[in-house]
Amino acid sequence: MDSRDPAERKAVLNRLRRAQGQLAAVISMVEDERDCREIVTQLSAVSKAIDRAAFKVVAINLRACVMGENPGGPDQDELEKLFMSLV
């Protein structure tokens, strides 16, 4: 991720750390043999947190691509493929 804005990088890292914490909680739930509905609900939350981080990374790089701020980074076609891999 080529973000020249430290706030953007921090936002992505925060989302990923939140997902990491949620995943650790899910692992504990499975180990404790908790109800499957609770586990699936938490897995959904982890998935959404990771998806949000991925969309943010693509959006940051798409903006940089359009503005010409990311030489050597993914071009518009590559970013489109990355975006489509998320949906």
Protein backbone atom coordinates (compact mmCIF):
# COMPACT_ATOMS: atom_id res chain seq x y z
CA MET A 1 0.00 0.00 0.00
CA ASP A 2 1.51 3.29 -1.06
CA SER A 3 -0.21 5.83 1.15
CA ARG A 4 1.58 9.08 1.67
CA ASP A 5 -1.04 9.99 4.25
CA PRO A 6 -0.18 8.53 7.67
CA ALA A 7 -3.83 8.88 8.75
CA GLU A 8 -4.95 6.60 5.92
CA ARG A 9 -2.32 4.01 6.78
CA LYS A 10 -3.35 4.22 10.44
CA ALA A 11 -7.02 3.73 9.53
CA VAL A 12 -6.21 0.57 7.56
CA LEU A 13 -4.01 -0.77 10.34
CA ASN A 14 -6.70 -0.06 12.94
CA ARG A 15 -9.26 -2.00 10.91
CA LEU A 16 -6.90 -4.93 10.53
CA ARG A 17 -6.01 -4.94 14.22
CA ARG A 18 -9.71 -4.89 15.08
CA ALA A 19 -10.24 -7.87 12.77
CA GLN A 20 -7.29 -9.63 14.38
CA GLY A 21 -8.84 -9.18 17.82
CA GLN A 22 -12.21 -10.38 16.59
CA LEU A 23 -10.60 -13.45 15.03
CA ALA A 24 -8.83 -14.26 18.30
CA ALA A 25 -12.22 -14.06 20.02
CA VAL A 26 -13.73 -16.43 17.45
CA ILE A 27 -10.92 -18.93 18.00
CA SER A 28 -11.61 -18.83 21.73
CA MET A 29 -15.32 -19.30 21.07
CA VAL A 30 -14.63 -22.41 18.98
CA GLU A 31 -12.24 -23.76 21.62
CA ASP A 32 -14.92 -23.17 24.27
CA GLU A 33 -17.53 -24.90 22.09
CA ARG A 34 -19.81 -21.86 22.08
CA ASP A 35 -23.08 -21.75 20.18
CA CYS A 36 -22.64 -21.87 16.40
CA ARG A 37 -24.88 -18.81 15.93
CA GLU A 38 -22.55 -16.70 18.06
CA ILE A 39 -19.52 -18.01 16.21
CA VAL A 40 -21.00 -17.33 12.78
CA THR A 41 -22.05 -13.83 13.86
CA GLN A 42 -18.50 -13.06 14.97
CA LEU A 43 -17.01 -14.60 11.83
CA SER A 44 -19.23 -12.29 9.81
CA ALA A 45 -17.90 -9.31 11.76
CA VAL A 46 -14.30 -10.41 11.09
CA SER A 47 -15.03 -10.80 7.40
CA LYS A 48 -16.60 -7.34 7.17
CA ALA A 49 -13.68 -5.74 8.99
CA ILE A 50 -11.19 -7.33 6.58
CA ASP A 51 -13.34 -6.35 3.58
CA ARG A 52 -13.45 -2.73 4.76
CA ALA A 53 -9.67 -2.67 5.09
CA ALA A 54 -9.26 -4.14 1.62
CA PHE A 55 -11.67 -1.64 0.06
CA LYS A 56 -9.80 1.19 1.79
CA VAL A 57 -6.47 -0.01 0.37
CA VAL A 58 -7.93 -0.22 -3.15
CA ALA A 59 -9.58 3.21 -2.79
CA ILE A 60 -6.34 4.82 -1.60
CA ASN A 61 -4.42 3.36 -4.52
CA LEU A 62 -7.15 4.17 -7.05
CA ARG A 63 -7.11 7.80 -5.98
CA ALA A 64 -3.31 7.88 -6.19
CA CYS A 65 -3.47 6.27 -9.65
CA VAL A 66 -6.01 8.78 -10.95
CA MET A 67 -4.07 11.70 -9.49
CA GLY A 68 -0.78 10.38 -10.90
CA GLU A 69 0.68 10.14 -7.39
CA ASN A 70 1.68 6.48 -7.47
CA PRO A 71 4.22 5.85 -10.21
CA GLY A 72 5.07 2.19 -10.42
CA GLY A 73 1.95 1.28 -8.44
CA PRO A 74 -0.99 -0.67 -9.82
CA ASP A 75 -2.58 0.92 -12.88
CA GLN A 76 -6.30 1.43 -13.31
CA ASP A 77 -6.86 -2.00 -14.90
CA GLU A 78 -4.99 -3.76 -12.10
CA LEU A 79 -6.96 -1.82 -9.49
CA GLU A 80 -10.22 -2.75 -11.18
CA LYS A 81 -9.24 -6.43 -11.02
CA LEU A 82 -8.30 -6.07 -7.36
CA PHE A 83 -11.59 -4.35 -6.62
CA MET A 84 -13.58 -7.03 -8.44
CA SER A 85 -11.78 -9.75 -6.49
CA LEU A 86 -13.30 -8.24 -3.32
CA VAL A 87 -16.91 -8.51 -4.42
